[in-house]
Amino acid sequence: MQELVIGVVSSLIATALTVAAGWFGLSWPRRMLLRLLSRMSGVGVLRSYPKQSAANADLAADLRAARWVKVLTGRGNELTRDSFQEVWRPGNPRLESTRVLLPDPADAGGWLRAREDEIRRTDPGIESGLLAKQVSTNIDYVTAVAARNASVELRLFDAPHSCRVIVTDRLAYFTPYLQETHGRNSPCLVFGNGSPMYDYLLRLFDGLWQAGAR
């Protein structure tokens, strides 16, 4: 009975905090609530963003503090932007290694074409073969970076393009790609090291890395 009462009271408090945060436009009550519910559920969510693009500033700060970085992405445009510039800098005394997984442009499994079909429903500018061209450009970019920075490695994967994963020694950024929208407009969740989702995303990356082509 006591557990039931605690559960009901927790739900009421959570609802009240959510409504109050919405009224006053405050982010800290939402983050506090998220962490409280995360502890109660054991999932380990530290932060959430309505869109992946909204996480870029925090991502850049977390990458600057990282000891190692692992990136799995369906296209890789973010790799060429400001968020990752500190990661690519040679001689960074803190950063030990960076591993990047990008799709194989040969697309033997048809995953790039499948993703194109999804996005084309809302973005008519996505023509057949465009994603492969963009991925190839980003492969060239990371290859050039790796030629100047021995701590950077690149491999290609042939698997569904269903999410973006960025894992560091402290955090994991997870963006599940929504159908009919770009990844930058999909929601993003951040999990702490030691949480079940952090461990799962790390295993996901490591498995694809082992199977990936150099």
Protein backbone atom coordinates (compact mmCIF):
# COMPACT_ATOMS: atom_id res chain seq x y z
CA MET A 1 0.00 0.00 0.00
CA GLN A 2 2.82 2.35 0.90
CA GLU A 3 4.49 1.77 -2.50
CA LEU A 4 1.21 2.59 -4.24
CA VAL A 5 0.88 5.85 -2.31
CA ILE A 6 4.47 6.81 -3.11
CA GLY A 7 3.89 6.06 -6.78
CA VAL A 8 0.74 8.19 -6.92
CA VAL A 9 2.37 11.08 -5.08
CA SER A 10 5.43 10.89 -7.37
CA SER A 11 3.20 11.03 -10.42
CA LEU A 12 1.34 14.05 -9.08
CA ILE A 13 4.58 15.87 -8.28
CA ALA A 14 5.98 15.05 -11.71
CA THR A 15 2.86 16.35 -13.41
CA ALA A 16 2.88 19.54 -11.36
CA LEU A 17 6.53 20.20 -12.10
CA THR A 18 6.01 19.62 -15.80
CA VAL A 19 3.07 22.02 -15.95
CA ALA A 20 4.94 24.64 -13.92
CA ALA A 21 8.00 24.36 -16.14
CA GLY A 22 5.83 24.87 -19.19
CA TRP A 23 4.10 27.91 -17.71
CA PHE A 24 7.28 29.69 -16.72
CA GLY A 25 9.43 28.54 -19.64
CA LEU A 26 12.06 27.16 -17.30
CA SER A 27 14.46 24.40 -18.34
CA TRP A 28 15.89 23.50 -14.93
CA PRO A 29 12.63 22.05 -13.51
CA ARG A 30 12.28 19.89 -16.61
CA ARG A 31 15.86 18.66 -16.25
CA MET A 32 15.42 18.03 -12.53
CA LEU A 33 12.22 16.11 -13.21
CA LEU A 34 13.87 14.12 -15.98
CA ARG A 35 16.70 13.06 -13.69
CA LEU A 36 14.27 12.16 -10.92
CA LEU A 37 12.20 9.98 -13.21
CA SER A 38 15.37 8.54 -14.72
CA ARG A 39 16.55 7.40 -11.30
CA MET A 40 13.15 5.92 -10.52
CA SER A 41 13.01 3.98 -13.80
CA GLY A 42 16.69 3.04 -13.93
CA VAL A 43 17.01 4.16 -17.57
CA GLY A 44 19.68 6.78 -16.90
CA VAL A 45 18.53 9.74 -19.02
CA LEU A 46 20.47 12.89 -18.08
CA ARG A 47 19.17 15.31 -20.71
CA SER A 48 16.70 15.41 -23.57
CA TYR A 49 16.34 17.70 -26.59
CA PRO A 50 13.28 18.04 -28.84
CA LYS A 51 15.63 18.16 -31.84
CA GLN A 52 19.13 16.83 -32.37
CA SER A 53 20.24 20.25 -33.63
CA ALA A 54 19.33 21.77 -30.24
CA ALA A 55 21.98 19.59 -28.56
CA ASN A 56 24.93 20.90 -30.60
CA ALA A 57 26.27 23.40 -28.05
CA ASP A 58 26.21 20.88 -25.20
CA LEU A 59 27.64 18.21 -27.49
CA ALA A 60 30.59 20.43 -28.38
CA ALA A 61 31.33 21.02 -24.68
CA ASP A 62 31.09 17.31 -23.88
CA LEU A 63 33.39 16.42 -26.78
CA ARG A 64 35.98 18.91 -25.53
CA ALA A 65 35.96 17.13 -22.16
CA ALA A 66 36.08 13.59 -23.61
CA ARG A 67 38.95 11.14 -23.23
CA TRP A 68 37.72 9.07 -26.20
CA VAL A 69 34.91 9.44 -28.75
CA LYS A 70 32.94 6.94 -30.84
CA VAL A 71 30.55 8.15 -33.55
CA LEU A 72 27.96 6.19 -35.55
CA THR A 73 25.98 8.34 -37.95
CA GLY A 74 23.81 7.91 -41.00
CA ARG A 75 25.22 10.78 -43.05
CA GLY A 76 27.91 12.62 -41.11
CA ASN A 77 27.29 16.27 -41.96
CA GLU A 78 27.77 17.25 -38.31
CA LEU A 79 31.34 15.92 -38.47
CA THR A 80 32.35 18.89 -40.64
CA ARG A 81 30.86 21.53 -38.35
CA ASP A 82 31.99 23.41 -35.25
CA SER A 83 30.87 20.74 -32.79
CA PHE A 84 33.69 18.40 -33.84
CA GLN A 85 36.51 20.84 -34.59
CA GLU A 86 38.21 20.28 -31.23
CA VAL A 87 38.02 16.52 -31.79
CA TRP A 88 39.94 16.76 -35.07
CA ARG A 89 42.71 18.99 -33.71
CA PRO A 90 46.04 17.07 -33.63
CA GLY A 91 47.92 17.07 -30.37
CA ASN A 92 44.87 17.30 -28.08
CA PRO A 93 46.41 16.13 -24.77
CA ARG A 94 43.11 14.91 -23.34
CA LEU A 95 41.66 13.01 -26.30
CA GLU A 96 43.17 9.55 -26.76
CA SER A 97 41.17 8.21 -29.71
CA THR A 98 38.24 8.93 -32.02
CA ARG A 99 36.46 6.22 -34.00
CA VAL A 100 33.95 7.09 -36.72
CA LEU A 101 31.46 4.76 -38.42
CA LEU A 102 29.90 6.04 -41.65
CA PRO A 103 27.68 4.18 -44.12
CA ASP A 104 29.25 2.35 -47.03
CA PRO A 105 28.30 4.41 -50.11
CA ALA A 106 28.19 1.19 -52.16
CA ASP A 107 24.98 0.48 -50.20
CA ALA A 108 24.92 -3.29 -50.73
CA GLY A 109 22.08 -3.63 -48.24
CA GLY A 110 20.00 -0.84 -49.76
CA TRP A 111 19.88 1.10 -46.48
CA LEU A 112 20.80 4.48 -47.99
CA ARG A 113 18.08 4.09 -50.59
CA ALA A 114 15.57 3.13 -47.91
CA ARG A 115 16.46 6.23 -45.88
CA GLU A 116 16.16 8.41 -48.98
CA ASP A 117 12.65 7.08 -49.55
CA GLU A 118 11.70 8.00 -45.97
CA ILE A 119 13.01 11.57 -46.08
CA ARG A 120 11.79 12.28 -49.62
CA ARG A 121 8.18 12.24 -48.37
CA THR A 122 8.76 15.62 -46.72
CA ASP A 123 11.93 16.86 -48.49
CA PRO A 124 11.50 16.84 -52.29
CA GLY A 125 15.14 17.89 -52.70
CA ILE A 126 16.34 14.42 -51.74
CA GLU A 127 16.98 12.77 -55.09
CA SER A 128 18.06 9.20 -55.66
CA GLY A 129 21.75 8.81 -54.90
CA LEU A 130 22.06 12.14 -53.04
CA LEU A 131 22.71 10.60 -49.61
CA ALA A 132 25.47 8.40 -51.06
CA LYS A 133 27.13 11.50 -52.53
CA GLN A 134 26.94 13.35 -49.21
CA VAL A 135 28.29 10.34 -47.31
CA SER A 136 31.17 10.03 -49.79
CA THR A 137 32.04 13.70 -49.23
CA ASN A 138 32.08 13.21 -45.47
CA ILE A 139 34.20 10.07 -45.83
CA ASP A 140 36.73 12.17 -47.78
CA TYR A 141 36.64 14.78 -45.01
CA VAL A 142 37.28 12.31 -42.15
CA THR A 143 39.94 10.53 -44.24
CA ALA A 144 41.77 13.85 -44.64
CA VAL A 145 41.49 14.48 -40.91
CA ALA A 146 42.82 11.00 -40.11
CA ALA A 147 45.82 11.60 -42.38
CA ARG A 148 46.84 14.48 -40.10
CA ASN A 149 45.69 13.00 -36.78
CA ALA A 150 46.80 9.46 -35.94
CA SER A 151 44.21 9.15 -33.15
CA VAL A 152 41.31 9.28 -35.67
CA GLU A 153 40.06 6.06 -37.30
CA LEU A 154 37.30 5.54 -39.86
CA ARG A 155 35.33 2.45 -40.84
CA LEU A 156 32.24 1.90 -42.99
CA PHE A 157 29.14 -0.03 -41.96
CA ASP A 158 26.42 -1.74 -43.96
CA ALA A 159 23.35 -1.70 -41.69
CA PRO A 160 20.03 0.17 -41.31
CA HIS A 161 20.37 3.93 -40.86
CA SER A 162 18.05 4.15 -37.88
CA CYS A 163 19.95 6.34 -35.41
CA ARG A 164 22.94 8.52 -34.58
CA VAL A 165 25.11 7.47 -31.64
CA ILE A 166 27.93 9.50 -30.10
CA VAL A 167 29.61 7.83 -27.10
CA THR A 168 32.36 9.26 -24.90
CA ASP A 169 33.90 7.94 -21.71
CA ARG A 170 31.25 9.91 -19.78
CA LEU A 171 28.09 10.18 -21.91
CA ALA A 172 26.13 8.74 -24.83
CA TYR A 173 24.09 10.91 -27.22
CA PHE A 174 21.33 8.94 -28.92
CA THR A 175 19.14 10.19 -31.78
CA PRO A 176 16.58 7.66 -33.07
CA TYR A 177 15.83 8.79 -36.62
CA LEU A 178 12.14 9.46 -37.18
CA GLN A 179 10.55 8.51 -40.46
CA GLU A 180 9.88 11.29 -42.93
CA THR A 181 12.23 13.79 -41.24
CA HIS A 182 15.92 14.60 -41.14
CA GLY A 183 18.00 13.38 -38.22
CA ARG A 184 18.65 16.96 -37.11
CA ASN A 185 14.91 17.30 -36.43
CA SER A 186 14.62 14.02 -34.51
CA PRO A 187 14.69 14.01 -30.69
CA CYS A 188 17.98 13.44 -28.88
CA LEU A 189 18.57 11.78 -25.49
CA VAL A 190 21.73 11.80 -23.38
CA PHE A 191 22.62 8.88 -21.07
CA GLY A 192 25.28 8.70 -18.40
CA ASN A 193 28.08 6.14 -18.17
CA GLY A 194 26.90 3.18 -16.12
CA SER A 195 23.28 3.34 -17.25
CA PRO A 196 21.73 0.43 -19.20
CA MET A 197 21.26 2.54 -22.34
CA TYR A 198 24.86 3.79 -22.25
CA ASP A 199 26.09 0.21 -22.09
CA TYR A 200 23.74 -0.84 -24.89
CA LEU A 201 24.81 1.98 -27.22
CA LEU A 202 28.47 1.26 -26.55
CA ARG A 203 27.94 -2.43 -27.40
CA LEU A 204 26.03 -1.43 -30.53
CA PHE A 205 28.91 0.72 -31.74
CA ASP A 206 31.61 -1.83 -30.88
CA GLY A 207 29.72 -4.61 -32.70
CA LEU A 208 29.36 -2.55 -35.88
CA TRP A 209 32.97 -1.40 -35.59
CA GLN A 210 34.23 -4.98 -35.51
CA ALA A 211 32.13 -5.83 -38.58
CA GLY A 212 32.95 -2.59 -40.42
CA ALA A 213 35.21 -2.22 -43.43
CA ARG A 214 38.33 -0.10 -43.15
